[in-house]
N, C-alpha and C. Protein backbone atom coordinates (compact mmCIF):
# COMPACT_ATOMS: atom_id res chain seq x y z
N MET A 1 96.38 29.82 106.64
CA MET A 1 95.53 28.67 106.88
C MET A 1 94.14 29.18 107.21
N ILE A 2 93.16 28.60 106.55
CA ILE A 2 91.77 28.99 106.77
C ILE A 2 91.10 27.91 107.60
N THR A 3 90.48 28.32 108.67
CA THR A 3 89.77 27.37 109.52
C THR A 3 88.29 27.74 109.55
N GLY A 4 87.48 26.77 109.91
CA GLY A 4 86.05 26.99 109.98
C GLY A 4 85.64 27.65 111.28
N TYR A 5 84.37 27.98 111.35
CA TYR A 5 83.81 28.58 112.55
C TYR A 5 83.36 27.48 113.49
N LYS A 6 83.45 27.75 114.78
CA LYS A 6 83.04 26.79 115.79
C LYS A 6 82.00 27.45 116.69
N ALA A 7 80.92 26.73 116.92
CA ALA A 7 79.86 27.26 117.77
C ALA A 7 80.23 27.08 119.24
N ALA A 8 79.79 28.01 120.05
CA ALA A 8 79.95 27.90 121.49
C ALA A 8 78.63 27.44 122.10
N ARG A 9 78.66 27.09 123.35
CA ARG A 9 77.42 26.64 124.01
C ARG A 9 76.32 27.68 123.96
N ASN A 10 76.69 28.91 124.21
CA ASN A 10 75.70 29.97 124.27
C ASN A 10 75.59 30.78 122.99
N ARG A 11 76.32 30.40 121.94
CA ARG A 11 76.30 31.16 120.69
C ARG A 11 76.33 30.22 119.50
N PRO A 12 75.16 29.91 118.93
CA PRO A 12 75.14 29.03 117.76
C PRO A 12 75.69 29.78 116.53
N LEU A 13 76.02 29.02 115.51
CA LEU A 13 76.55 29.62 114.30
C LEU A 13 75.45 30.35 113.53
N THR A 14 75.85 31.42 112.88
CA THR A 14 74.91 32.13 112.02
C THR A 14 74.80 31.39 110.70
N ARG A 15 73.82 31.78 109.90
CA ARG A 15 73.63 31.12 108.60
C ARG A 15 74.86 31.31 107.71
N GLY A 16 75.43 32.50 107.73
CA GLY A 16 76.63 32.79 106.94
C GLY A 16 77.82 31.95 107.38
N GLN A 17 77.97 31.76 108.68
CA GLN A 17 79.07 30.93 109.17
C GLN A 17 78.88 29.48 108.76
N LYS A 18 77.64 29.00 108.79
CA LYS A 18 77.37 27.63 108.36
C LYS A 18 77.68 27.46 106.87
N LEU A 19 77.29 28.44 106.07
CA LEU A 19 77.59 28.39 104.64
C LEU A 19 79.10 28.43 104.40
N SER A 20 79.80 29.23 105.18
CA SER A 20 81.25 29.30 105.06
C SER A 20 81.90 27.97 105.41
N ASN A 21 81.43 27.32 106.48
CA ASN A 21 81.96 26.01 106.87
C ASN A 21 81.69 24.98 105.78
N THR A 22 80.50 25.04 105.16
CA THR A 22 80.16 24.10 104.09
C THR A 22 81.07 24.30 102.88
N ALA A 23 81.32 25.55 102.51
CA ALA A 23 82.20 25.84 101.39
C ALA A 23 83.63 25.39 101.68
N LEU A 24 84.08 25.61 102.88
CA LEU A 24 85.43 25.19 103.27
C LEU A 24 85.55 23.66 103.23
N ALA A 25 84.53 22.96 103.70
CA ALA A 25 84.56 21.50 103.69
C ALA A 25 84.58 20.97 102.26
N ALA A 26 83.87 21.64 101.35
CA ALA A 26 83.85 21.21 99.96
C ALA A 26 85.22 21.36 99.31
N VAL A 27 85.98 22.36 99.72
CA VAL A 27 87.32 22.56 99.17
C VAL A 27 88.32 21.59 99.80
N ARG A 28 88.16 21.33 101.08
CA ARG A 28 89.12 20.48 101.80
C ARG A 28 88.96 19.00 101.48
N ALA A 29 87.74 18.54 101.18
CA ALA A 29 87.47 17.12 101.00
C ALA A 29 88.35 16.47 99.92
N PRO A 30 88.47 17.04 98.72
CA PRO A 30 89.32 16.38 97.72
C PRO A 30 90.78 16.29 98.14
N VAL A 31 91.26 17.31 98.85
CA VAL A 31 92.65 17.29 99.30
C VAL A 31 92.85 16.17 100.33
N GLU A 32 91.92 16.07 101.28
CA GLU A 32 92.03 15.02 102.29
C GLU A 32 91.89 13.63 101.66
N HIS A 33 91.02 13.49 100.68
CA HIS A 33 90.91 12.20 99.99
C HIS A 33 92.19 11.86 99.25
N GLY A 34 92.81 12.88 98.65
CA GLY A 34 94.08 12.65 97.96
C GLY A 34 95.17 12.16 98.90
N PHE A 35 95.27 12.78 100.07
CA PHE A 35 96.25 12.33 101.06
C PHE A 35 95.93 10.93 101.55
N ALA A 36 94.66 10.63 101.72
CA ALA A 36 94.28 9.28 102.17
C ALA A 36 94.68 8.24 101.13
N HIS A 37 94.50 8.56 99.86
CA HIS A 37 94.90 7.61 98.82
C HIS A 37 96.41 7.46 98.75
N LEU A 38 97.14 8.56 98.94
CA LEU A 38 98.60 8.48 98.89
C LEU A 38 99.16 7.64 100.03
N LYS A 39 98.45 7.59 101.16
CA LYS A 39 98.93 6.79 102.28
C LYS A 39 98.88 5.30 101.98
N ASN A 40 98.15 4.91 100.95
CA ASN A 40 98.07 3.50 100.57
C ASN A 40 99.30 3.03 99.79
N TRP A 41 100.17 3.92 99.40
CA TRP A 41 101.37 3.57 98.65
C TRP A 41 102.51 3.32 99.65
N PRO A 42 102.92 2.06 99.82
CA PRO A 42 103.95 1.75 100.82
C PRO A 42 105.31 2.36 100.53
N VAL A 43 105.59 2.69 99.28
CA VAL A 43 106.91 3.24 98.95
C VAL A 43 107.12 4.59 99.64
N LEU A 44 106.04 5.30 99.96
CA LEU A 44 106.20 6.60 100.60
C LEU A 44 106.73 6.49 102.03
N GLY A 45 106.54 5.35 102.65
CA GLY A 45 107.08 5.15 103.99
C GLY A 45 108.58 4.97 104.00
N LYS A 46 109.15 4.68 102.83
CA LYS A 46 110.58 4.44 102.72
C LYS A 46 111.35 5.61 102.12
N VAL A 47 110.68 6.72 101.89
CA VAL A 47 111.34 7.87 101.26
C VAL A 47 112.29 8.52 102.26
N ARG A 48 113.56 8.37 102.01
CA ARG A 48 114.60 8.98 102.84
C ARG A 48 115.64 9.61 101.92
N THR A 49 115.17 10.39 101.00
CA THR A 49 116.05 10.94 99.99
C THR A 49 115.81 12.44 99.85
N ASN A 50 116.36 13.03 98.81
CA ASN A 50 116.23 14.48 98.68
C ASN A 50 114.79 14.87 98.36
N PRO A 51 114.38 16.05 98.77
CA PRO A 51 112.99 16.48 98.61
C PRO A 51 112.54 16.59 97.15
N THR A 52 113.46 16.89 96.24
CA THR A 52 113.08 17.01 94.83
C THR A 52 112.61 15.67 94.29
N TRP A 53 113.32 14.60 94.59
CA TRP A 53 112.92 13.29 94.13
C TRP A 53 111.62 12.85 94.80
N ALA A 54 111.49 13.15 96.08
CA ALA A 54 110.27 12.78 96.80
C ALA A 54 109.06 13.53 96.22
N THR A 55 109.25 14.80 95.86
CA THR A 55 108.16 15.56 95.27
C THR A 55 107.75 14.97 93.94
N ALA A 56 108.71 14.59 93.11
CA ALA A 56 108.40 13.97 91.82
C ALA A 56 107.69 12.64 92.03
N LEU A 57 108.12 11.88 93.01
CA LEU A 57 107.49 10.60 93.31
C LEU A 57 106.04 10.79 93.75
N VAL A 58 105.81 11.73 94.64
CA VAL A 58 104.45 11.98 95.13
C VAL A 58 103.56 12.48 94.00
N ARG A 59 104.08 13.34 93.14
CA ARG A 59 103.28 13.82 92.01
C ARG A 59 102.90 12.67 91.08
N SER A 60 103.84 11.80 90.78
CA SER A 60 103.52 10.69 89.89
C SER A 60 102.55 9.72 90.55
N LEU A 61 102.70 9.48 91.83
CA LEU A 61 101.74 8.61 92.53
C LEU A 61 100.35 9.23 92.59
N LEU A 62 100.30 10.54 92.73
CA LEU A 62 99.01 11.22 92.75
C LEU A 62 98.31 11.11 91.40
N VAL A 63 99.07 11.20 90.32
CA VAL A 63 98.49 11.03 88.98
C VAL A 63 97.95 9.62 88.82
N LEU A 64 98.73 8.62 89.24
CA LEU A 64 98.27 7.24 89.15
C LEU A 64 97.04 6.99 90.02
N THR A 65 97.03 7.58 91.20
CA THR A 65 95.89 7.41 92.10
C THR A 65 94.65 8.06 91.53
N ASN A 66 94.78 9.26 91.01
CA ASN A 66 93.62 9.95 90.41
C ASN A 66 93.08 9.17 89.22
N ARG A 67 93.98 8.61 88.44
CA ARG A 67 93.56 7.81 87.28
C ARG A 67 92.81 6.57 87.73
N GLU A 68 93.30 5.93 88.79
CA GLU A 68 92.66 4.72 89.32
C GLU A 68 91.29 5.05 89.93
N VAL A 69 91.21 6.15 90.65
CA VAL A 69 89.96 6.54 91.31
C VAL A 69 88.92 6.93 90.28
N SER A 70 89.34 7.58 89.21
CA SER A 70 88.38 8.05 88.20
C SER A 70 87.84 6.93 87.33
N ARG A 71 88.42 5.74 87.38
CA ARG A 71 87.92 4.63 86.56
C ARG A 71 86.64 4.09 87.09
């Protein structure tokens, strides 16, 4: 797991650390948006089945969500 840098009271972030945090945020944003869109599908709250079927369901919902968002 990659985490960003955090400034302390007496130690501000360096330029490199700020650039690193910006790059990390750019990579994380699409993933977080994808999870936010998947939370809008109520069927995911009822998934109480085997993980293989749930994975296929989430993949298909992600495809539908991406298609809807890209329109």
